[in-house]
Protein backbone atom coordinates (compact mmCIF):
# COMPACT_ATOMS: atom_id res chain seq x y z
CA MET A 1 3.35 -15.49 -47.77
CA ALA A 2 -0.38 -15.26 -48.22
CA SER A 3 -1.89 -11.82 -48.83
CA SER A 4 -5.02 -10.43 -47.25
CA ASN A 5 -7.80 -8.59 -49.08
CA ASP A 6 -6.75 -5.43 -47.23
CA ASP A 7 -3.27 -5.76 -48.72
CA ARG A 8 -4.70 -6.06 -52.24
CA ALA A 9 -6.93 -3.05 -51.74
CA SER A 10 -4.08 -0.86 -50.50
CA THR A 11 -1.98 -1.61 -53.60
CA GLY A 12 -4.63 -1.41 -56.29
CA GLY A 13 -5.54 -5.11 -56.21
CA ALA A 14 -2.08 -6.67 -56.44
CA ALA A 15 -0.44 -8.27 -53.45
CA PRO A 16 2.73 -6.31 -52.55
CA ALA A 17 6.03 -8.04 -53.09
CA ILE A 18 8.18 -8.69 -50.05
CA SER A 19 11.74 -7.71 -50.87
CA GLU A 20 14.74 -9.73 -49.82
CA THR A 21 15.73 -6.88 -47.47
CA LEU A 22 12.36 -6.93 -45.74
CA ARG A 23 12.33 -10.72 -45.55
CA ARG A 24 15.79 -10.74 -43.97
CA LEU A 25 14.87 -8.10 -41.36
CA ALA A 26 11.62 -9.87 -40.55
CA GLU A 27 13.48 -13.12 -39.89
CA GLN A 28 16.25 -11.44 -37.88
CA ASN A 29 13.85 -9.49 -35.66
CA GLN A 30 11.05 -12.08 -35.52
CA TRP A 31 8.44 -9.77 -37.03
CA PRO A 32 5.10 -11.56 -37.44
CA GLU A 33 3.79 -12.32 -40.91
CA ASP A 34 0.96 -9.78 -40.83
CA LEU A 35 3.32 -6.96 -39.77
CA THR A 36 5.76 -7.87 -42.55
CA ARG A 37 2.91 -7.76 -45.11
CA ARG A 38 1.80 -4.36 -43.80
CA ILE A 39 5.33 -2.98 -44.17
CA ALA A 40 5.39 -4.25 -47.75
CA ALA A 41 1.91 -2.84 -48.44
CA LEU A 42 2.95 0.63 -47.30
CA ARG A 43 6.02 0.36 -49.51
CA VAL A 44 8.69 1.27 -46.98
CA PRO A 45 11.80 1.64 -49.21
CA ASP A 46 14.65 -0.83 -48.86
CA SER A 47 16.96 2.16 -48.57
CA SER A 48 15.11 3.10 -45.37
CA LEU A 49 14.88 -0.46 -44.08
CA ASN A 50 18.65 -0.75 -44.44
CA THR A 51 19.27 2.15 -42.03
CA TRP A 52 19.25 2.28 -38.23
CA THR A 53 15.72 3.74 -38.51
CA TRP A 54 14.48 0.12 -38.73
CA TYR A 55 17.50 -1.96 -37.84
CA GLY A 56 17.12 -4.06 -34.67
CA LEU A 57 13.49 -3.14 -33.90
CA ASN A 58 11.45 -5.74 -32.06
CA PRO A 59 7.89 -6.45 -33.33
CA GLU A 60 6.28 -3.84 -31.07
CA GLN A 61 8.82 -1.18 -32.03
CA ALA A 62 8.51 -2.03 -35.73
CA ALA A 63 4.72 -1.69 -35.58
CA ALA A 64 5.07 1.72 -33.94
CA GLN A 65 7.64 2.77 -36.54
CA LEU A 66 5.30 1.70 -39.31
CA ALA A 67 2.56 3.91 -37.85
CA TRP A 68 4.98 6.85 -37.89
CA HIS A 69 5.97 6.02 -41.47
CA GLU A 70 2.33 6.06 -42.56
CA ARG A 71 1.71 9.36 -40.80
CA LEU A 72 4.82 10.92 -42.33
CA THR A 73 3.99 9.79 -45.87
CA SER A 74 0.20 10.17 -46.06
CA GLY A 75 -0.87 11.84 -42.81
CA ASP A 76 -0.59 15.27 -41.23
CA LEU A 77 3.12 15.16 -40.40
CA ARG A 78 6.07 15.76 -42.70
CA GLY A 79 9.72 14.98 -42.12
CA ARG A 80 12.26 16.83 -44.21
CA THR A 81 15.49 18.79 -44.16
CA ALA A 82 15.38 22.37 -42.86
CA ALA A 83 15.45 24.99 -45.62
CA PHE A 84 16.57 28.60 -45.75
CA THR A 85 12.91 29.65 -45.81
CA ASP A 86 12.42 27.94 -42.42
CA ASN A 87 14.48 30.62 -40.67
CA ASP A 88 11.58 32.18 -38.72
CA SER A 89 9.83 28.92 -37.87
CA PHE A 90 13.15 27.30 -36.87
CA SER A 91 13.80 30.25 -34.55
CA ALA A 92 10.28 29.94 -33.11
CA LEU A 93 10.79 26.22 -32.45
CA TRP A 94 13.95 26.90 -30.41
CA ALA A 95 12.25 29.72 -28.49
CA ASP A 96 9.56 27.23 -27.39
CA ALA A 97 11.89 24.34 -26.49
CA PRO A 98 13.83 25.09 -23.28
CA GLU A 99 16.10 22.71 -21.39
CA GLU A 100 15.59 22.21 -17.66
CA ILE A 101 19.00 22.19 -15.97
CA GLY A 102 18.75 21.94 -12.19
CA GLU A 103 16.77 24.93 -10.96
CA TRP A 104 17.12 26.75 -14.27
CA GLU A 105 15.23 26.73 -17.55
CA ILE A 106 17.60 27.54 -20.42
CA THR A 107 16.22 28.64 -23.77
CA VAL A 108 18.56 29.03 -26.72
CA GLU A 109 17.38 31.91 -28.90
CA ARG A 110 18.42 31.72 -32.56
CA GLY A 111 18.11 34.79 -34.77
CA PRO A 112 18.19 36.88 -36.81
CA ASP A 113 20.14 34.16 -38.65
CA ALA A 114 18.75 31.02 -37.05
CA PHE A 115 21.18 28.81 -39.00
CA ALA A 116 24.37 30.81 -38.35
CA GLN A 117 26.08 28.17 -36.21
CA PHE A 118 25.35 25.37 -38.66
CA LYS A 119 26.86 27.37 -41.53
CA LEU A 120 30.20 26.99 -39.74
CA GLN A 121 30.02 23.20 -39.49
CA GLU A 122 30.91 20.45 -41.94
CA ASN A 123 28.44 18.21 -43.81
CA VAL A 124 25.47 19.37 -41.76
CA PHE A 125 22.09 17.64 -41.84
CA LEU A 126 19.19 19.35 -40.02
CA PRO A 127 16.06 17.17 -40.08
CA VAL A 128 12.78 18.74 -38.94
CA LEU A 129 9.20 17.60 -38.36
CA ALA A 130 6.53 19.96 -39.65
CA LEU A 131 2.82 20.18 -38.90
CA GLY A 132 1.58 22.55 -41.57
CA ASN A 133 3.78 25.64 -41.41
CA GLU A 134 4.86 24.95 -37.82
CA LEU A 135 8.08 23.12 -37.03
CA VAL A 136 7.55 20.93 -33.95
CA ALA A 137 10.89 19.11 -33.66
CA CYS A 138 14.43 19.23 -34.99
CA CYS A 139 17.87 17.77 -34.49
CA GLY A 140 21.22 18.02 -36.23
CA PHE A 141 24.13 15.90 -37.37
CA SER A 142 27.52 16.84 -38.73
CA ARG A 143 29.83 14.32 -40.36
CA ARG A 144 33.48 15.06 -39.63
CA ASN A 145 36.92 13.67 -40.49
CA VAL A 146 39.08 13.83 -37.36
CA LEU A 147 41.92 12.16 -35.49
CA ILE A 148 41.24 9.89 -32.52
CA ALA A 149 44.27 8.32 -30.82
CA GLY A 150 46.27 9.38 -33.86
CA ARG A 151 44.01 7.45 -36.24
CA ARG A 152 42.20 9.16 -39.13
CA VAL A 153 38.48 8.40 -38.82
CA SER A 154 35.08 9.71 -39.88
CA VAL A 155 32.64 10.43 -37.05
CA ARG A 156 29.22 11.97 -36.62
CA TYR A 157 28.40 14.75 -34.18
CA GLY A 158 24.83 14.69 -32.81
CA GLN A 159 23.32 17.98 -31.71
CA ALA A 160 20.38 20.39 -31.61
CA LEU A 161 17.62 17.99 -30.52
CA ARG A 162 14.59 20.12 -29.66
CA VAL A 163 10.83 19.46 -29.37
CA ARG A 164 8.22 22.14 -28.75
CA ARG A 165 6.69 22.05 -25.27
CA ALA A 166 3.21 20.97 -26.44
CA TYR A 167 4.59 17.99 -28.39
CA ARG A 168 6.89 16.43 -25.81
CA ARG A 169 6.61 12.84 -24.57
CA LYS A 170 4.80 11.83 -27.75
CA GLY A 171 7.67 10.34 -29.74
CA TYR A 172 8.52 13.34 -31.92
CA GLY A 173 12.10 13.57 -30.64
CA ASP A 174 12.76 9.93 -31.51
CA GLN A 175 11.24 10.31 -34.95
CA VAL A 176 13.10 13.43 -35.99
CA ARG A 177 16.45 11.77 -35.28
CA ARG A 178 15.40 8.75 -37.38
CA LEU A 179 14.97 10.79 -40.55
CA SER A 180 17.83 9.83 -42.85
CA SER A 181 17.22 11.60 -46.15
CA SER A 182 20.53 13.47 -46.38
CA PRO A 183 23.31 12.18 -48.66
CA ALA A 184 25.77 13.09 -45.88
CA MET A 185 24.04 10.61 -43.58
CA SER A 186 24.28 7.81 -46.13
CA ARG A 187 28.07 7.64 -45.78
CA PRO A 188 29.33 5.41 -42.96
CA GLU A 189 31.21 6.58 -39.90
CA ILE A 190 32.72 4.71 -36.97
CA GLY A 191 30.49 6.28 -34.30
CA GLN A 192 28.68 9.31 -32.96
CA TYR A 193 29.64 11.71 -30.20
CA ASP A 194 27.47 14.21 -28.34
CA ILE A 195 28.12 17.04 -25.89
CA MET A 196 25.56 17.61 -23.10
CA ARG A 197 25.20 20.00 -20.20
CA THR A 198 26.38 18.18 -17.10
CA GLN A 199 23.01 18.46 -15.32
CA ASN A 200 20.78 17.59 -18.25
CA PHE A 201 19.50 14.33 -16.81
CA ALA A 202 16.24 14.64 -18.75
CA VAL A 203 18.03 14.01 -22.04
CA VAL A 204 19.95 11.11 -20.49
CA ASN A 205 16.70 9.44 -19.44
CA TRP A 206 15.26 10.15 -22.90
CA TRP A 207 18.16 8.41 -24.63
CA LYS A 208 17.98 5.43 -22.28
CA LYS A 209 14.29 5.07 -23.11
CA PHE A 210 14.86 4.78 -26.86
CA VAL A 211 18.42 3.42 -26.95
CA PRO A 212 19.09 1.46 -23.72
CA ASP A 213 22.79 0.97 -24.46
CA PHE A 214 23.38 4.58 -25.57
CA PHE A 215 25.75 5.25 -22.64
CA GLU A 216 27.46 1.87 -22.66
CA ASN A 217 31.24 2.31 -22.23
CA THR A 218 30.70 6.02 -21.42
CA PRO A 219 32.48 7.21 -18.23
CA GLN A 220 30.08 7.65 -15.31
CA ARG A 221 30.42 10.50 -12.79
CA GLU A 222 28.35 10.96 -9.67
CA GLY A 223 26.12 14.02 -9.83
CA SER A 224 26.71 14.54 -13.56
CA VAL A 225 25.47 13.08 -16.80
CA PRO A 226 27.69 10.31 -18.23
CA GLY A 227 30.59 11.48 -20.34
CA ILE A 228 34.12 12.83 -20.57
CA PRO A 229 34.26 16.29 -18.95
CA VAL A 230 35.19 19.08 -21.37
CA THR A 231 35.63 22.65 -20.16
CA VAL A 232 35.55 26.01 -21.90
CA ALA A 233 36.80 29.18 -20.20
CA GLN A 234 34.43 32.16 -20.45
CA PHE A 235 36.20 35.47 -19.82
CA PRO A 236 34.02 38.44 -18.86
CA ALA A 237 34.08 41.13 -21.53
CA ALA A 238 36.09 44.21 -20.54
CA GLN A 239 37.09 47.60 -21.90
CA PRO A 240 39.90 47.19 -24.46
CA SER A 241 43.40 48.23 -23.50
CA SER A 242 45.44 50.12 -26.09
CA GLY A 243 48.59 48.39 -24.88
CA ASP A 244 47.35 45.01 -26.04
CA ALA A 245 46.82 46.11 -29.66
CA ALA A 246 50.50 46.48 -30.63
CA GLY A 247 51.40 44.18 -33.50
CA ILE A 248 47.83 42.90 -33.93
CA ARG A 249 46.32 43.23 -37.40
CA PRO A 250 43.83 41.53 -39.72
CA ALA A 251 45.18 38.41 -41.39
CA ARG A 252 46.13 38.42 -45.06
CA ARG A 253 46.01 35.51 -47.46
CA ASP A 254 49.79 35.15 -47.42
CA ASP A 255 49.65 34.74 -43.61
CA LEU A 256 47.66 31.51 -43.79
CA PRO A 257 50.54 28.99 -44.14
CA ALA A 258 52.11 30.42 -40.97
CA CYS A 259 48.76 30.52 -39.17
CA THR A 260 47.84 26.91 -39.94
CA ALA A 261 51.29 25.77 -38.81
CA LEU A 262 50.66 27.52 -35.46
CA ILE A 263 47.15 26.02 -35.16
CA ASN A 264 48.44 22.51 -35.84
CA ARG A 265 51.34 22.91 -33.39
CA THR A 266 49.05 24.12 -30.62
CA HIS A 267 46.57 21.26 -30.81
CA VAL A 268 48.74 18.36 -31.96
CA GLY A 269 47.79 15.04 -30.36
CA MET A 270 44.25 16.09 -29.44
CA ASP A 271 41.36 13.75 -30.18
CA LEU A 272 38.66 15.17 -32.51
CA PHE A 273 41.20 17.56 -34.03
CA ARG A 274 42.13 17.49 -37.70
CA PRO A 275 45.32 19.24 -38.84
CA CYS A 276 44.34 22.08 -41.15
CA SER A 277 45.90 23.52 -44.29
CA ALA A 278 46.17 27.06 -45.63
CA GLU A 279 43.68 26.12 -48.34
CA TRP A 280 41.16 24.92 -45.75
CA LEU A 281 41.44 28.08 -43.62
CA GLU A 282 41.20 30.26 -46.72
CA GLN A 283 37.96 28.54 -47.74
CA VAL A 284 36.59 28.97 -44.22
CA LEU A 285 37.30 32.70 -44.17
CA ASP A 286 35.97 33.08 -47.73
CA GLU A 287 32.75 31.48 -46.37
CA GLY A 288 32.67 29.04 -49.25
CA PHE A 289 33.00 31.67 -51.97
CA TRP A 290 35.91 31.53 -54.36
CA ASN A 291 37.93 34.55 -53.31
CA ASP A 292 35.76 37.64 -52.77
CA GLY A 293 32.13 36.94 -51.94
CA PRO A 294 29.14 39.29 -51.93
CA GLN A 295 29.44 42.35 -49.74
CA PRO A 296 26.89 42.88 -46.93
CA ASN A 297 23.97 44.95 -48.13
CA PRO A 298 21.71 46.58 -45.50
CA ALA A 299 18.88 46.58 -48.03
CA MET A 300 19.13 42.81 -48.46
CA ASP A 301 19.12 40.91 -45.18
CA TRP A 302 19.11 37.44 -46.74
CA TRP A 303 22.88 37.10 -46.35
CA GLN A 304 25.30 38.48 -43.78
CA PRO A 305 28.80 37.15 -43.00
CA VAL A 306 28.98 34.83 -39.99
CA TYR A 307 32.75 34.33 -39.68
CA SER A 308 35.08 35.77 -42.31
CA TRP A 309 38.32 37.69 -42.98
CA ARG A 310 37.23 40.67 -40.93
CA ASP A 311 37.13 38.37 -37.89
CA TYR A 312 40.59 36.78 -38.17
CA LEU A 313 43.61 38.41 -36.54
CA VAL A 314 47.32 37.77 -36.22
CA LEU A 315 49.87 39.04 -33.73
CA GLU A 316 53.15 39.82 -35.43
CA GLU A 317 56.32 40.27 -33.40
CA GLY A 318 59.89 40.51 -34.61
CA SER A 319 60.26 38.60 -37.85
CA GLY A 320 57.05 36.63 -37.88
CA ILE A 321 53.56 35.79 -36.68
CA ARG A 322 53.53 34.56 -33.10
CA ALA A 323 49.79 34.00 -32.58
CA CYS A 324 46.55 33.95 -34.54
CA ALA A 325 42.84 33.59 -33.74
CA GLY A 326 39.39 34.14 -35.16
CA LEU A 327 36.47 35.77 -33.33
CA TRP A 328 32.98 34.45 -34.06
CA ASP A 329 30.25 36.78 -32.80
CA ARG A 330 28.03 33.94 -31.71
CA GLY A 331 25.86 36.26 -29.63
CA ARG A 332 24.63 38.10 -32.70
CA ASP A 333 22.60 35.08 -33.81
CA MET A 334 22.55 32.80 -30.77
CA ARG A 335 21.90 33.63 -27.12
CA GLU A 336 20.91 31.78 -23.95
CA ARG A 337 18.00 32.95 -21.80
CA TRP A 338 18.32 31.64 -18.24
CA ARG A 339 15.15 31.72 -16.11
CA ARG A 340 14.92 30.39 -12.56
CA ILE A 341 12.13 27.82 -12.42
CA GLY A 342 9.37 29.07 -10.13
CA GLY A 343 11.10 32.43 -9.68
CA THR A 344 11.57 35.76 -11.38
CA ASP A 345 15.33 35.73 -11.95
CA GLU A 346 16.11 35.95 -15.65
CA ARG A 347 19.22 36.73 -17.67
CA VAL A 348 20.13 36.68 -21.35
CA ILE A 349 23.75 35.73 -22.10
CA GLY A 350 25.52 36.39 -25.38
CA ILE A 351 29.09 35.31 -26.02
CA ALA A 352 31.81 35.57 -28.62
CA CYS A 353 33.90 32.49 -29.42
CA VAL A 354 37.55 32.05 -30.34
CA LEU A 355 38.04 29.75 -33.34
CA ASP A 356 41.08 28.45 -35.20
CA PHE A 357 43.69 29.76 -32.78
CA GLY A 358 47.33 28.86 -32.41
CA TYR A 359 50.65 30.23 -31.24
CA ALA A 360 54.36 29.58 -31.48
CA GLU A 361 56.41 27.41 -29.17
CA GLY A 362 57.05 29.45 -26.03
CA GLY A 363 54.56 32.06 -27.22
CA ASP A 364 52.05 31.79 -24.36
CA GLU A 365 52.38 35.49 -23.56
CA SER A 366 51.77 36.43 -27.20
CA MET A 367 48.61 34.32 -27.27
CA ALA A 368 47.49 35.77 -23.94
CA ARG A 369 47.91 39.28 -25.31
CA LEU A 370 45.86 38.43 -28.39
CA LEU A 371 43.15 36.95 -26.16
CA ARG A 372 43.11 40.10 -24.03
CA HIS A 373 42.61 42.10 -27.22
CA LEU A 374 39.70 39.83 -28.16
CA ILE A 375 38.18 40.29 -24.70
CA GLY A 376 38.09 44.00 -25.50
CA ARG A 377 36.54 43.36 -28.90
CA THR A 378 33.91 41.22 -27.22
CA HIS A 379 33.00 44.20 -25.04
CA LEU A 380 32.69 46.45 -28.09
CA LEU A 381 30.34 43.91 -29.68
CA GLY A 382 28.11 44.15 -26.61
CA ARG A 383 28.61 40.51 -25.60
CA ASP A 384 29.00 39.21 -22.05
CA TYR A 385 31.86 36.71 -22.37
CA LEU A 386 34.67 35.54 -24.62
CA ALA A 387 34.69 31.72 -24.76
CA VAL A 388 38.03 29.96 -25.35
CA PRO A 389 38.81 26.20 -25.17
CA ILE A 390 42.22 26.28 -23.44
CA GLU A 391 42.01 23.59 -20.76
CA HIS A 392 44.77 21.56 -22.50
CA LEU A 393 47.18 24.53 -22.46
CA PRO A 394 48.23 24.98 -18.80
CA GLY A 395 50.75 27.77 -19.47
CA LEU A 396 48.10 29.86 -21.22
CA VAL A 397 45.52 29.02 -18.53
CA ALA A 398 47.87 30.38 -15.86
CA LEU A 399 48.50 33.62 -17.76
CA MET A 400 44.76 34.22 -18.26
CA ASP A 401 43.67 33.33 -14.73
CA GLY A 402 43.73 36.97 -13.64
CA HIS A 403 40.83 37.67 -15.98
CA HIS A 404 38.59 35.53 -13.74
CA PRO A 405 37.10 33.09 -16.23
CA GLU A 406 33.84 31.29 -15.53
CA LEU A 407 34.22 27.65 -16.47
CA ASP A 408 31.52 25.92 -18.51
CA THR A 409 31.98 22.16 -18.16
CA ARG A 410 29.92 19.72 -20.22
CA ALA A 411 29.98 15.98 -20.85
CA LEU A 412 31.15 14.36 -24.08
CA ARG A 413 29.59 10.97 -24.81
CA TRP A 414 31.64 8.55 -26.87
CA ASN A 415 31.20 4.82 -26.31
CA LEU A 416 33.57 3.17 -28.78
CA LYS A 417 35.68 1.26 -26.29
CA GLU A 418 38.28 0.05 -28.80
CA LEU A 419 39.09 3.64 -29.87
CA PRO A 420 38.76 5.79 -26.74
CA ILE A 421 38.78 9.58 -26.67
CA THR A 422 41.15 10.67 -23.90
CA ARG A 423 42.18 14.27 -24.77
CA PRO A 424 39.26 15.91 -26.57
CA TYR A 425 39.79 19.03 -28.64
CA THR A 426 36.86 21.45 -28.41
CA ASP A 427 35.90 23.36 -31.54
CA LEU A 428 33.28 25.91 -30.47
CA ARG A 429 31.48 25.54 -33.78
CA TYR A 430 30.23 22.30 -32.22
CA TRP A 431 29.41 23.61 -28.72
């Protein structure tokens, strides 16, 4: 292709080479010659061109993406991965990025540890857009190995898309999700799933704007966003009962083989579940340290446990462990502020979440007793609710019904028709 004088000037006098990758994409997407030369002149890496950031863009979309690339590389905007030192600015971003759900505005407050939830997830990538010291947009991805329809697959979980109020409807949300600088994102997966509040139609319209087929093959429900309904029971916190504490104690390392066997038995056959091992659960409770990690130090607030041995309990009856569960104090670092739009009603909700739970065959009453104990612990923590994903366990649901749970139902989007999700397992790390 011929090169313009502008092209020579932008590259120090030499016409930029057009790589085979760029030539192929230009032919596939019918990009005009001048646009292709501009992409070469601005030296968009082949490694970026080979990702979905550029794949399938029509000429107009490619020109817009090139303008974003130029701004991100030599302009006022920077795209990068969130760092530990972003804690305060990440928290401020979330505090200024509410969701509008029906007649309510819901703001998720993150702090003092703004990254607490993501520390519990696997292979997390948190891209952010920064203007100076201010973060204006973020999103998150977690790459997971799970079972779907009994098949072992790698999937990606999409989450945490937020844009500050003043920067909405300007393309920042689309750009932050296109950042692909994490090694975790460079490994392929079969598809992505997302979990949305059932009345969040704004995000549905946003996805349809940028990815028209985003909800293709996703179940449609009248009055709700597209998706498979998934429900979590939220039990109001209550004063602990001494009668529920019998046989309940902190887990020990030698309990973990029994605990993981109970976890796997309880959730066998669920989509998005991966059978766990004693080694895996031990690493989780060690929080990534090999055996004993650093002890909390009030004089050093840079590290505090999020979910560890102190939070994992077993219920022992007779000759063995009948039930086990972990309690994540989500409300310490993550709360929801609900404000009625146009009104004065406002409420802040903090919850605790049950993780990694399981119980023996016929042990519904044992599990119910352990949950009642955790409801009491939730009260002592000062939280409002204990959240437990038990919709697939009807016997346990019936036993816990007297505690008057409030049901939080959301929509799971998964559009891979040839491998459908029919019985989703809900891990509250990803909620």
